[in-house]
């Protein structure tokens, strides 16, 4: 099954993507699910979960955290109590990983080789411990940045995730993750990642639809 593991909607407050448009595009592409990772807040994505139920489509939820060494995708929290720092930006990366792990979640560096200013992870990824996987395929990246992430994940013997990092409808599903065991909720999602039963990729359904257009 295929899940786009890194999606944003208007609830990230940096775009105007309506959740229903995202979900219907994902269905059109043949995806089996999406994970909404709004910036800073887990609770912000709650309305999208309801849209998923209304549309009969699997919607999982995580959060994209802005650390002092790049962005981190986190999965498995229950509310915004995960944020014990009292701010949204430049959270200490090692403390973030340790805390998310302590509450039963997992951390995955997002687009680790994309330069996002002074707080970029880049090759520092190789020194990070406690992460569950690496986002090797990001739809907003240069292919060369993804290639570096693929090589790093292999070197670190970590599973790979893929996500579109969509902020508009046309970007949905450009990259996604192929899961080799069923994912029906966040618990099974995390179990699959921990088992390495996942592989980030450029999503074939996106390429096929683009070619047919």
N, C-alpha and C. Protein backbone atom coordinates (compact mmCIF):
# COMPACT_ATOMS: atom_id res chain seq x y z
N UNK A 1 0.84 -1.19 0.00
CA UNK A 1 0.00 0.00 0.00
C UNK A 1 0.88 1.25 0.00
N UNK A 2 0.33 2.34 -0.53
CA UNK A 2 1.06 3.58 -0.70
C UNK A 2 0.46 4.69 0.16
N UNK A 3 1.31 5.37 0.94
CA UNK A 3 0.87 6.48 1.78
C UNK A 3 1.81 7.67 1.55
N UNK A 4 1.24 8.83 1.31
CA UNK A 4 2.01 10.07 1.27
C UNK A 4 2.19 10.52 2.72
N UNK A 5 3.42 10.44 3.21
CA UNK A 5 3.67 10.60 4.65
C UNK A 5 3.99 12.02 5.10
N UNK A 6 3.86 12.99 4.20
CA UNK A 6 4.25 14.36 4.56
C UNK A 6 3.36 15.33 3.78
N UNK A 7 2.24 15.72 4.38
CA UNK A 7 1.27 16.58 3.71
C UNK A 7 0.89 17.76 4.60
N UNK A 8 0.65 18.89 3.95
CA UNK A 8 0.19 20.09 4.65
C UNK A 8 -1.12 20.58 4.04
N UNK A 9 -1.94 21.20 4.87
CA UNK A 9 -3.17 21.85 4.40
C UNK A 9 -3.17 23.29 4.91
N UNK A 10 -4.29 23.96 4.70
CA UNK A 10 -4.42 25.35 5.16
C UNK A 10 -4.23 25.48 6.67
N UNK A 11 -4.32 24.37 7.40
CA UNK A 11 -4.14 24.43 8.85
C UNK A 11 -2.68 24.55 9.25
N UNK A 12 -1.77 24.50 8.26
CA UNK A 12 -0.37 24.85 8.53
C UNK A 12 -0.18 26.36 8.45
N UNK A 13 -1.19 27.08 7.93
CA UNK A 13 -1.20 28.54 7.86
C UNK A 13 -0.08 29.10 6.99
N UNK A 14 0.42 28.29 6.06
CA UNK A 14 1.37 28.82 5.08
C UNK A 14 0.91 28.49 3.65
N UNK A 15 -0.37 28.10 3.53
CA UNK A 15 -0.93 27.77 2.22
C UNK A 15 -2.45 27.80 2.32
N UNK A 16 -3.12 27.54 1.19
CA UNK A 16 -4.59 27.59 1.15
C UNK A 16 -5.19 26.26 0.71
N UNK A 17 -4.45 25.17 0.86
CA UNK A 17 -4.92 23.87 0.39
C UNK A 17 -6.05 23.35 1.28
N UNK A 18 -7.22 23.19 0.68
CA UNK A 18 -8.36 22.65 1.41
C UNK A 18 -8.18 21.14 1.62
N UNK A 19 -8.42 20.64 2.81
CA UNK A 19 -8.25 19.22 3.08
C UNK A 19 -9.02 18.32 2.12
N UNK A 20 -10.23 18.70 1.76
CA UNK A 20 -11.02 17.84 0.87
C UNK A 20 -10.37 17.76 -0.50
N UNK A 21 -9.74 18.84 -0.96
CA UNK A 21 -9.05 18.81 -2.25
C UNK A 21 -7.83 17.91 -2.19
N UNK A 22 -7.10 17.96 -1.10
CA UNK A 22 -5.94 17.08 -0.92
C UNK A 22 -6.38 15.62 -0.97
N UNK A 23 -7.41 15.30 -0.19
CA UNK A 23 -7.84 13.91 -0.07
C UNK A 23 -8.41 13.39 -1.39
N UNK A 24 -9.19 14.20 -2.07
CA UNK A 24 -9.75 13.74 -3.35
C UNK A 24 -8.66 13.57 -4.40
N UNK A 25 -7.65 14.42 -4.37
CA UNK A 25 -6.52 14.25 -5.28
C UNK A 25 -5.77 12.96 -4.96
N UNK A 26 -5.57 12.68 -3.67
CA UNK A 26 -4.89 11.45 -3.28
C UNK A 26 -5.65 10.22 -3.76
N UNK A 27 -6.97 10.28 -3.65
CA UNK A 27 -7.80 9.16 -4.13
C UNK A 27 -7.69 9.02 -5.64
N UNK A 28 -7.69 10.14 -6.34
CA UNK A 28 -7.57 10.12 -7.79
C UNK A 28 -6.25 9.48 -8.22
N UNK A 29 -5.21 9.72 -7.45
CA UNK A 29 -3.89 9.19 -7.77
C UNK A 29 -3.75 7.71 -7.43
N UNK A 30 -4.69 7.18 -6.66
CA UNK A 30 -4.61 5.78 -6.27
C UNK A 30 -3.85 5.53 -4.98
N UNK A 31 -3.56 6.60 -4.24
CA UNK A 31 -2.94 6.42 -2.93
C UNK A 31 -3.90 5.73 -1.97
N UNK A 32 -3.34 5.06 -0.97
CA UNK A 32 -4.15 4.37 0.02
C UNK A 32 -4.34 5.18 1.29
N UNK A 33 -3.58 6.25 1.44
CA UNK A 33 -3.70 7.07 2.61
C UNK A 33 -2.74 8.24 2.56
N UNK A 34 -2.93 9.19 3.47
CA UNK A 34 -2.03 10.33 3.62
C UNK A 34 -1.78 10.55 5.10
N UNK A 35 -0.65 11.16 5.40
CA UNK A 35 -0.38 11.59 6.77
C UNK A 35 -0.23 13.10 6.76
N UNK A 36 -1.06 13.75 7.55
CA UNK A 36 -1.05 15.21 7.63
C UNK A 36 -0.05 15.62 8.71
N UNK A 37 0.93 16.42 8.33
CA UNK A 37 1.99 16.82 9.25
C UNK A 37 2.07 18.35 9.28
N UNK A 38 1.04 18.96 9.84
CA UNK A 38 1.03 20.42 9.88
C UNK A 38 2.22 20.94 10.70
N UNK A 39 2.65 22.14 10.37
CA UNK A 39 3.77 22.74 11.08
C UNK A 39 3.41 23.02 12.53
N UNK A 40 4.29 22.64 13.43
CA UNK A 40 4.27 23.00 14.85
C UNK A 40 3.20 22.29 15.68
N UNK A 41 2.06 21.95 15.10
CA UNK A 41 0.93 21.50 15.90
C UNK A 41 0.33 20.19 15.41
N UNK A 42 0.19 19.24 16.32
CA UNK A 42 -0.55 18.01 16.03
C UNK A 42 -2.05 18.27 16.01
N UNK A 43 -2.52 19.05 16.93
CA UNK A 43 -3.95 19.29 17.07
C UNK A 43 -4.53 20.05 15.88
N UNK A 44 -3.69 20.80 15.16
CA UNK A 44 -4.18 21.58 14.02
C UNK A 44 -4.77 20.70 12.93
N UNK A 45 -4.33 19.44 12.84
CA UNK A 45 -4.80 18.56 11.76
C UNK A 45 -6.08 17.81 12.10
N UNK A 46 -6.64 18.03 13.28
CA UNK A 46 -7.85 17.30 13.68
C UNK A 46 -8.99 17.44 12.67
N UNK A 47 -9.26 18.63 12.11
CA UNK A 47 -10.36 18.74 11.13
C UNK A 47 -10.13 17.89 9.89
N UNK A 48 -8.87 17.66 9.52
CA UNK A 48 -8.58 16.88 8.32
C UNK A 48 -8.94 15.42 8.54
N UNK A 49 -8.76 14.94 9.76
CA UNK A 49 -9.13 13.57 10.10
C UNK A 49 -10.62 13.34 9.85
N UNK A 50 -11.45 14.31 10.19
CA UNK A 50 -12.89 14.19 9.97
C UNK A 50 -13.22 14.18 8.49
N UNK A 51 -12.52 15.00 7.71
CA UNK A 51 -12.73 15.00 6.26
C UNK A 51 -12.39 13.64 5.68
N UNK A 52 -11.32 13.03 6.19
CA UNK A 52 -10.95 11.69 5.75
C UNK A 52 -12.05 10.68 6.02
N UNK A 53 -12.66 10.75 7.19
CA UNK A 53 -13.77 9.85 7.50
C UNK A 53 -14.94 10.09 6.56
N UNK A 54 -15.24 11.35 6.30
CA UNK A 54 -16.35 11.68 5.40
C UNK A 54 -16.10 11.16 3.99
N UNK A 55 -14.83 11.16 3.57
CA UNK A 55 -14.46 10.74 2.22
C UNK A 55 -14.13 9.25 2.13
N UNK A 56 -14.15 8.56 3.27
CA UNK A 56 -13.82 7.14 3.28
C UNK A 56 -12.37 6.87 2.93
N UNK A 57 -11.46 7.69 3.46
CA UNK A 57 -10.05 7.61 3.08
C UNK A 57 -9.19 7.69 4.34
N UNK A 58 -8.11 6.91 4.36
CA UNK A 58 -7.24 6.85 5.52
C UNK A 58 -6.45 8.15 5.68
N UNK A 59 -6.67 8.82 6.80
CA UNK A 59 -5.91 10.02 7.15
C UNK A 59 -5.24 9.78 8.49
N UNK A 60 -3.91 9.78 8.48
CA UNK A 60 -3.13 9.72 9.71
C UNK A 60 -2.60 11.11 10.01
N UNK A 61 -2.10 11.29 11.24
CA UNK A 61 -1.67 12.63 11.64
C UNK A 61 -0.34 12.59 12.37
N UNK A 62 0.52 13.53 12.03
CA UNK A 62 1.77 13.73 12.74
C UNK A 62 1.98 15.22 12.88
N UNK A 63 3.25 15.64 12.94
CA UNK A 63 3.56 17.07 13.02
C UNK A 63 4.95 17.27 12.44
N UNK A 64 5.17 18.44 11.82
CA UNK A 64 6.51 18.81 11.38
C UNK A 64 7.07 19.82 12.37
N UNK A 65 8.18 19.44 13.00
CA UNK A 65 8.78 20.22 14.07
C UNK A 65 9.99 20.97 13.55
N UNK A 66 10.08 22.25 13.84
CA UNK A 66 11.23 23.05 13.44
C UNK A 66 12.27 23.03 14.56
N UNK A 67 13.36 22.28 14.35
CA UNK A 67 14.41 22.18 15.37
C UNK A 67 15.57 23.12 15.04
N UNK A 68 16.55 23.12 15.92
CA UNK A 68 17.73 23.95 15.70
C UNK A 68 18.68 23.34 14.69
N UNK A 69 18.33 22.14 14.15
CA UNK A 69 19.14 21.50 13.13
C UNK A 69 18.25 20.88 12.06
N UNK A 70 17.30 21.66 11.60
CA UNK A 70 16.44 21.20 10.52
C UNK A 70 15.06 20.78 10.99
N UNK A 71 14.26 20.33 10.05
CA UNK A 71 12.88 19.97 10.32
C UNK A 71 12.76 18.47 10.61
N UNK A 72 11.86 18.14 11.52
CA UNK A 72 11.67 16.76 11.94
C UNK A 72 10.20 16.39 11.83
N UNK A 73 9.93 15.28 11.14
CA UNK A 73 8.59 14.71 11.15
C UNK A 73 8.47 13.82 12.38
N UNK A 74 7.39 14.00 13.12
CA UNK A 74 7.15 13.19 14.31
C UNK A 74 5.77 12.56 14.21
N UNK A 75 5.71 11.31 14.58
CA UNK A 75 4.46 10.55 14.51
C UNK A 75 4.24 9.84 15.84
N UNK A 76 2.98 9.78 16.27
CA UNK A 76 2.65 8.99 17.45
C UNK A 76 2.27 9.78 18.69
N UNK A 77 2.20 11.11 18.60
CA UNK A 77 1.73 11.88 19.74
C UNK A 77 0.20 11.89 19.79
N UNK A 78 -0.36 12.29 20.91
CA UNK A 78 -1.81 12.31 21.10
C UNK A 78 -2.38 13.72 21.12
N UNK A 79 -1.54 14.68 21.43
CA UNK A 79 -1.99 16.08 21.51
C UNK A 79 -0.76 16.97 21.44
N UNK A 80 -0.93 18.26 21.66
CA UNK A 80 0.21 19.18 21.57
C UNK A 80 1.01 19.26 22.87
N UNK A 81 0.71 18.36 23.80
CA UNK A 81 1.54 18.26 24.99
C UNK A 81 2.95 17.79 24.68
N UNK A 82 3.16 17.30 23.46
CA UNK A 82 4.52 16.91 23.07
C UNK A 82 5.48 18.11 23.16
N UNK A 83 4.95 19.33 22.94
CA UNK A 83 5.81 20.52 22.91
C UNK A 83 5.99 21.05 24.33
N UNK A 84 7.10 20.67 24.94
CA UNK A 84 7.37 21.06 26.32
C UNK A 84 8.32 22.27 26.39
N UNK A 85 8.57 22.89 25.22
CA UNK A 85 9.56 23.97 25.17
C UNK A 85 8.94 25.36 25.18
N UNK A 86 7.65 25.46 24.94
CA UNK A 86 6.99 26.75 25.02
C UNK A 86 7.26 27.68 23.86
N UNK A 87 7.79 27.12 22.76
CA UNK A 87 7.99 27.90 21.54
C UNK A 87 7.88 26.96 20.35
N UNK A 88 7.85 27.51 19.14
CA UNK A 88 7.64 26.69 17.96
C UNK A 88 8.88 26.47 17.11
N UNK A 89 9.89 27.31 17.26
CA UNK A 89 11.05 27.26 16.37
C UNK A 89 12.34 26.95 17.12
N UNK A 90 13.28 26.35 16.39
CA UNK A 90 14.62 26.08 16.89
C UNK A 90 14.61 25.25 18.17
N UNK A 91 13.72 24.27 18.21
CA UNK A 91 13.70 23.36 19.36
C UNK A 91 14.95 22.49 19.30
N UNK A 92 15.52 22.13 20.45
CA UNK A 92 16.77 21.36 20.47
C UNK A 92 16.55 19.94 19.93
N UNK A 93 17.22 19.63 18.84
CA UNK A 93 16.91 18.41 18.11
C UNK A 93 17.07 17.15 18.94
N UNK A 94 18.14 17.06 19.72
CA UNK A 94 18.35 15.85 20.50
C UNK A 94 17.28 15.68 21.58
N UNK A 95 16.88 16.79 22.19
CA UNK A 95 15.82 16.74 23.19
C UNK A 95 14.48 16.37 22.55
N UNK A 96 14.23 16.89 21.35
CA UNK A 96 12.99 16.55 20.64
C UNK A 96 12.92 15.05 20.39
N UNK A 97 13.99 14.49 19.86
CA UNK A 97 14.01 13.05 19.55
C UNK A 97 13.81 12.24 20.82
N UNK A 98 14.54 12.59 21.86
CA UNK A 98 14.43 11.85 23.12
C UNK A 98 13.01 11.93 23.68
N UNK A 99 12.41 13.11 23.62
CA UNK A 99 11.07 13.27 24.20
C UNK A 99 10.01 12.54 23.38
N UNK A 100 10.06 12.68 22.06
CA UNK A 100 9.07 11.99 21.23
C UNK A 100 9.18 10.48 21.41
N UNK A 101 10.41 9.97 21.47
CA UNK A 101 10.59 8.54 21.72
C UNK A 101 10.02 8.13 23.07
N UNK A 102 10.18 8.99 24.07
CA UNK A 102 9.73 8.64 25.43
C UNK A 102 8.22 8.55 25.54
N UNK A 103 7.49 9.23 24.63
CA UNK A 103 6.02 9.16 24.68
C UNK A 103 5.47 8.16 23.65
N UNK A 104 6.36 7.34 23.10
CA UNK A 104 5.93 6.27 22.21
C UNK A 104 5.89 6.62 20.74
N UNK A 105 6.39 7.79 20.40
CA UNK A 105 6.39 8.20 19.00
C UNK A 105 7.69 7.89 18.30
N UNK A 106 7.79 8.32 17.05
CA UNK A 106 9.00 8.16 16.28
C UNK A 106 9.33 9.47 15.58
N UNK A 107 10.62 9.67 15.31
CA UNK A 107 11.09 10.88 14.62
C UNK A 107 11.77 10.51 13.32
N UNK A 108 11.51 11.32 12.29
CA UNK A 108 12.08 11.11 10.96
C UNK A 108 12.52 12.46 10.42
N UNK A 109 13.83 12.68 10.21
CA UNK A 109 14.26 13.96 9.64
C UNK A 109 13.61 14.22 8.29
N UNK A 110 13.04 15.42 8.14
CA UNK A 110 12.38 15.81 6.90
C UNK A 110 13.38 16.50 5.99
N UNK A 111 13.34 16.16 4.71
CA UNK A 111 14.22 16.77 3.70
C UNK A 111 15.57 17.18 4.30
N UNK A 112 16.33 16.22 4.84
CA UNK A 112 17.52 16.56 5.63
C UNK A 112 18.62 17.28 4.86
N UNK A 113 18.66 17.13 3.54
CA UNK A 113 19.73 17.78 2.77
C UNK A 113 19.27 19.04 2.05
N UNK A 114 18.08 19.54 2.40
CA UNK A 114 17.63 20.82 1.88
C UNK A 114 18.15 21.92 2.80
N UNK A 115 18.73 22.93 2.22
CA UNK A 115 19.24 24.04 3.02
C UNK A 115 18.08 24.95 3.41
N UNK A 116 17.87 25.10 4.71
CA UNK A 116 16.78 25.94 5.22
C UNK A 116 17.35 27.01 6.16
N UNK A 117 18.48 27.58 5.75
CA UNK A 117 19.12 28.59 6.58
C UNK A 117 20.11 28.00 7.56
N UNK A 118 20.35 28.72 8.65
CA UNK A 118 21.39 28.30 9.59
C UNK A 118 21.02 27.00 10.31
N UNK A 119 19.73 26.70 10.38
CA UNK A 119 19.29 25.49 11.08
C UNK A 119 19.10 24.32 10.11
N UNK A 120 20.08 24.08 9.27
CA UNK A 120 20.01 22.99 8.30
C UNK A 120 20.78 21.79 8.84
N UNK A 121 20.25 20.61 8.63
CA UNK A 121 20.88 19.40 9.14
C UNK A 121 22.01 18.94 8.22
N UNK A 122 21.72 18.76 6.94
CA UNK A 122 22.70 18.36 5.94
C UNK A 122 23.48 17.12 6.41
N UNK A 123 24.79 17.11 6.25
CA UNK A 123 25.56 15.91 6.57
C UNK A 123 25.61 15.64 8.08
N UNK A 124 25.14 16.58 8.88
CA UNK A 124 25.01 16.33 10.32
C UNK A 124 24.03 15.20 10.60
N UNK A 125 23.22 14.86 9.61
CA UNK A 125 22.30 13.72 9.75
C UNK A 125 23.03 12.47 10.20
N UNK A 126 24.24 12.28 9.72
CA UNK A 126 24.98 11.06 10.02
C UNK A 126 25.35 10.93 11.49
N UNK A 127 25.27 12.03 12.22
CA UNK A 127 25.61 12.00 13.64
C UNK A 127 24.38 11.92 14.55
N UNK A 128 23.19 11.95 13.95
CA UNK A 128 21.96 11.93 14.73
C UNK A 128 21.61 10.50 15.13
N UNK A 129 21.25 10.33 16.38
CA UNK A 129 20.82 9.02 16.88
C UNK A 129 19.38 9.10 17.38
N UNK A 130 18.74 7.94 17.45
CA UNK A 130 17.39 7.87 18.00
C UNK A 130 16.28 8.05 17.00
N UNK A 131 16.61 8.30 15.73
CA UNK A 131 15.58 8.45 14.71
C UNK A 131 15.16 7.08 14.18
N UNK A 132 13.93 6.99 13.69
CA UNK A 132 13.38 5.71 13.24
C UNK A 132 13.58 5.47 11.75
N UNK A 133 13.74 6.56 11.00
CA UNK A 133 13.84 6.47 9.53
C UNK A 133 14.35 7.80 9.01
N UNK A 134 14.55 7.87 7.71
CA UNK A 134 14.95 9.10 7.04
C UNK A 134 13.96 9.37 5.91
N UNK A 135 13.53 10.61 5.77
CA UNK A 135 12.72 10.97 4.60
C UNK A 135 13.66 11.09 3.41
N UNK A 136 13.70 10.04 2.61
CA UNK A 136 14.61 9.99 1.46
C UNK A 136 14.03 10.63 0.22
N UNK A 137 12.70 10.67 0.13
CA UNK A 137 12.03 11.21 -1.05
C UNK A 137 11.05 12.29 -0.62
N UNK A 138 11.37 13.52 -0.99
CA UNK A 138 10.52 14.66 -0.65
C UNK A 138 10.15 15.37 -1.94
N UNK A 139 8.86 15.55 -2.17
CA UNK A 139 8.38 16.11 -3.42
C UNK A 139 8.79 17.54 -3.68
N UNK A 140 9.21 18.27 -2.65
CA UNK A 140 9.65 19.64 -2.83
C UNK A 140 11.14 19.79 -2.99
N UNK A 141 11.86 18.67 -2.95
CA UNK A 141 13.31 18.68 -3.03
C UNK A 141 13.83 18.67 -4.45
N UNK A 142 15.08 19.09 -4.62
CA UNK A 142 15.84 18.76 -5.80
C UNK A 142 16.14 17.26 -5.77
N UNK A 143 16.20 16.63 -6.93
CA UNK A 143 16.54 15.21 -6.97
C UNK A 143 17.88 14.95 -6.30
N UNK A 144 18.81 15.87 -6.44
CA UNK A 144 20.13 15.69 -5.84
C UNK A 144 20.06 15.65 -4.32
N UNK A 145 19.15 16.44 -3.73
CA UNK A 145 18.97 16.40 -2.27
C UNK A 145 18.40 15.06 -1.84
N UNK A 146 17.44 14.55 -2.62
CA UNK A 146 16.89 13.23 -2.32
C UNK A 146 17.95 12.15 -2.46
N UNK A 147 18.80 12.27 -3.47
CA UNK A 147 19.86 11.27 -3.67
C UNK A 147 20.79 11.20 -2.46
N UNK A 148 21.11 12.36 -1.89
CA UNK A 148 21.95 12.38 -0.70
C UNK A 148 21.25 11.72 0.48
N UNK A 149 19.95 11.96 0.61
CA UNK A 149 19.19 11.35 1.70
C UNK A 149 19.10 9.83 1.53
N UNK A 150 18.94 9.37 0.29
CA UNK A 150 18.91 7.93 0.02
C UNK A 150 20.23 7.30 0.44
N UNK A 151 21.34 7.92 0.06
CA UNK A 151 22.66 7.39 0.42
C UNK A 151 22.86 7.38 1.93
N UNK A 152 22.40 8.44 2.60
CA UNK A 152 22.56 8.52 4.05
C UNK A 152 21.76 7.43 4.76
N UNK A 153 20.52 7.22 4.32
CA UNK A 153 19.69 6.18 4.94
C UNK A 153 20.33 4.81 4.78
N UNK A 154 20.88 4.55 3.62
CA UNK A 154 21.56 3.27 3.40
C UNK A 154 22.77 3.14 4.31
N UNK A 155 23.55 4.21 4.42
CA UNK A 155 24.74 4.20 5.26
C UNK A 155 24.37 3.98 6.73
N UNK A 156 23.26 4.56 7.15
CA UNK A 156 22.82 4.45 8.54
C UNK A 156 21.96 3.21 8.78
N UNK A 157 21.71 2.45 7.73
CA UNK A 157 20.84 1.26 7.76
C UNK A 157 19.50 1.57 8.42
N UNK A 158 18.89 2.65 7.95
CA UNK A 158 17.59 3.07 8.45
C UNK A 158 16.53 2.94 7.36
N UNK A 159 15.27 2.71 7.74
CA UNK A 159 14.18 2.68 6.77
C UNK A 159 14.03 4.04 6.09
N UNK A 160 13.35 4.04 4.94
CA UNK A 160 13.16 5.24 4.14
C UNK A 160 11.67 5.56 4.03
N UNK A 161 11.36 6.85 4.16
CA UNK A 161 9.99 7.32 3.95
C UNK A 161 9.97 8.30 2.79
N UNK A 162 8.81 8.42 2.15
CA UNK A 162 8.61 9.39 1.09
C UNK A 162 7.34 10.17 1.33
N UNK A 163 7.38 11.45 1.01
CA UNK A 163 6.20 12.29 1.15
C UNK A 163 6.28 13.47 0.21
N UNK A 164 5.14 13.98 -0.17
CA UNK A 164 5.10 15.06 -1.16
C UNK A 164 5.51 16.41 -0.59
N UNK A 165 5.32 16.59 0.74
CA UNK A 165 5.51 17.92 1.34
C UNK A 165 4.59 18.92 0.65
N UNK A 166 3.41 18.46 0.28
CA UNK A 166 2.50 19.27 -0.52
C UNK A 166 1.96 20.46 0.25
N UNK A 167 1.87 21.59 -0.46
CA UNK A 167 1.20 22.78 0.03
C UNK A 167 0.15 23.25 -0.99
N UNK A 168 0.02 22.49 -2.08
CA UNK A 168 -0.99 22.78 -3.09
C UNK A 168 -1.41 21.44 -3.71
N UNK A 169 -2.57 21.44 -4.35
CA UNK A 169 -3.17 20.19 -4.84
C UNK A 169 -2.26 19.47 -5.84
N UNK A 170 -1.66 20.20 -6.75
CA UNK A 170 -0.87 19.59 -7.81
C UNK A 170 0.33 18.82 -7.27
N UNK A 171 0.76 19.15 -6.05
CA UNK A 171 1.95 18.50 -5.48
C UNK A 171 1.64 17.21 -4.74
N UNK A 172 0.38 16.95 -4.44
CA UNK A 172 0.00 15.76 -3.67
C UNK A 172 0.52 14.50 -4.37
N UNK A 173 1.18 13.63 -3.61
CA UNK A 173 1.56 12.33 -4.12
C UNK A 173 2.79 12.29 -5.00
N UNK A 174 3.50 13.39 -5.14
CA UNK A 174 4.69 13.34 -5.99
C UNK A 174 5.69 12.31 -5.46
N UNK A 175 5.83 12.27 -4.16
CA UNK A 175 6.60 11.22 -3.49
C UNK A 175 5.70 10.57 -2.44
N UNK A 176 5.95 9.31 -2.16
CA UNK A 176 5.14 8.58 -1.19
C UNK A 176 5.93 7.40 -0.67
N UNK A 177 5.31 6.65 0.23
CA UNK A 177 5.97 5.50 0.85
C UNK A 177 5.19 4.23 0.55
N UNK A 178 5.89 3.21 0.09
CA UNK A 178 5.27 1.92 -0.14
C UNK A 178 5.46 1.06 1.11
N UNK A 179 4.35 0.64 1.69
CA UNK A 179 4.38 -0.20 2.88
C UNK A 179 4.12 -1.65 2.49
N UNK A 180 4.94 -2.54 3.02
CA UNK A 180 4.80 -3.96 2.69
C UNK A 180 4.02 -4.73 3.75
N UNK A 181 3.49 -4.03 4.73
CA UNK A 181 2.55 -4.63 5.67
C UNK A 181 1.43 -3.64 5.90
N UNK A 182 0.24 -4.13 6.26
CA UNK A 182 -0.93 -3.24 6.33
C UNK A 182 -0.76 -2.10 7.33
N UNK A 183 -1.25 -0.93 6.95
CA UNK A 183 -1.30 0.23 7.84
C UNK A 183 -2.75 0.69 7.89
N UNK A 184 -3.32 0.66 9.06
CA UNK A 184 -4.72 1.05 9.23
C UNK A 184 -4.90 2.18 10.24
N UNK A 185 -3.87 2.45 11.02
CA UNK A 185 -3.92 3.50 12.02
C UNK A 185 -2.48 3.87 12.37
N UNK A 186 -2.31 4.82 13.29
CA UNK A 186 -0.96 5.27 13.60
C UNK A 186 -0.13 4.18 14.27
N UNK A 187 -0.76 3.35 15.07
CA UNK A 187 -0.01 2.28 15.73
C UNK A 187 0.59 1.32 14.71
N UNK A 188 -0.18 0.95 13.70
CA UNK A 188 0.34 0.04 12.67
C UNK A 188 1.33 0.76 11.75
N UNK A 189 1.15 2.06 11.57
CA UNK A 189 2.11 2.86 10.81
C UNK A 189 3.48 2.82 11.49
N UNK A 190 3.50 3.11 12.78
CA UNK A 190 4.75 3.13 13.53
C UNK A 190 5.37 1.74 13.56
N UNK A 191 4.54 0.72 13.73
CA UNK A 191 5.07 -0.65 13.75
C UNK A 191 5.72 -1.00 12.43
N UNK A 192 5.13 -0.57 11.32
CA UNK A 192 5.68 -0.86 10.00
C UNK A 192 7.01 -0.15 9.79
N UNK A 193 7.10 1.10 10.23
CA UNK A 193 8.35 1.84 10.09
C UNK A 193 9.44 1.19 10.94
N UNK A 194 9.11 0.86 12.18
CA UNK A 194 10.10 0.23 13.05
C UNK A 194 10.56 -1.12 12.51
N UNK A 195 9.68 -1.80 11.79
CA UNK A 195 10.03 -3.10 11.21
C UNK A 195 10.77 -2.95 9.88
N UNK A 196 10.88 -1.72 9.39
CA UNK A 196 11.52 -1.51 8.10
C UNK A 196 10.67 -1.95 6.93
N UNK A 197 9.37 -2.06 7.16
CA UNK A 197 8.44 -2.52 6.12
C UNK A 197 7.92 -1.33 5.31
N UNK A 198 8.83 -0.48 4.87
CA UNK A 198 8.46 0.73 4.15
C UNK A 198 9.60 1.14 3.24
N UNK A 199 9.25 1.83 2.16
CA UNK A 199 10.25 2.29 1.21
C UNK A 199 9.79 3.57 0.55
N UNK A 200 10.54 4.65 0.75
CA UNK A 200 10.23 5.91 0.10
C UNK A 200 10.50 5.82 -1.39
N UNK A 201 9.72 6.58 -2.17
CA UNK A 201 9.87 6.49 -3.62
C UNK A 201 9.20 7.69 -4.28
N UNK A 202 9.56 7.92 -5.54
CA UNK A 202 8.74 8.78 -6.39
C UNK A 202 7.52 7.94 -6.76
N UNK A 203 6.34 8.43 -6.44
CA UNK A 203 5.13 7.62 -6.55
C UNK A 203 4.75 7.38 -8.01
N UNK A 204 4.69 6.12 -8.45
CA UNK A 204 4.37 5.82 -9.85
C UNK A 204 3.02 6.38 -10.31
N UNK A 205 2.02 6.39 -9.42
CA UNK A 205 0.70 6.90 -9.79
C UNK A 205 0.72 8.37 -10.14
N UNK A 206 1.61 9.14 -9.50
CA UNK A 206 1.74 10.55 -9.81
C UNK A 206 2.31 10.73 -11.21
N UNK A 207 3.34 9.95 -11.52
CA UNK A 207 3.96 10.04 -12.85
C UNK A 207 3.00 9.63 -13.95
N UNK A 208 2.21 8.58 -13.69
CA UNK A 208 1.27 8.10 -14.68
C UNK A 208 0.19 9.14 -14.96
N UNK A 209 -0.33 9.77 -13.91
CA UNK A 209 -1.37 10.77 -14.10
C UNK A 209 -0.81 12.00 -14.82
N UNK A 210 0.42 12.37 -14.50
CA UNK A 210 1.04 13.52 -15.14
C UNK A 210 1.25 13.25 -16.63
N UNK A 211 1.64 12.04 -16.98
CA UNK A 211 1.87 11.68 -18.36
C UNK A 211 0.57 11.62 -19.17
N UNK A 212 -0.52 11.25 -18.46
CA UNK A 212 -1.81 11.12 -19.13
C UNK A 212 -2.48 12.47 -19.34
N UNK A 213 -2.04 13.47 -18.58
CA UNK A 213 -2.67 14.80 -18.63
C UNK A 213 -2.34 15.51 -19.95
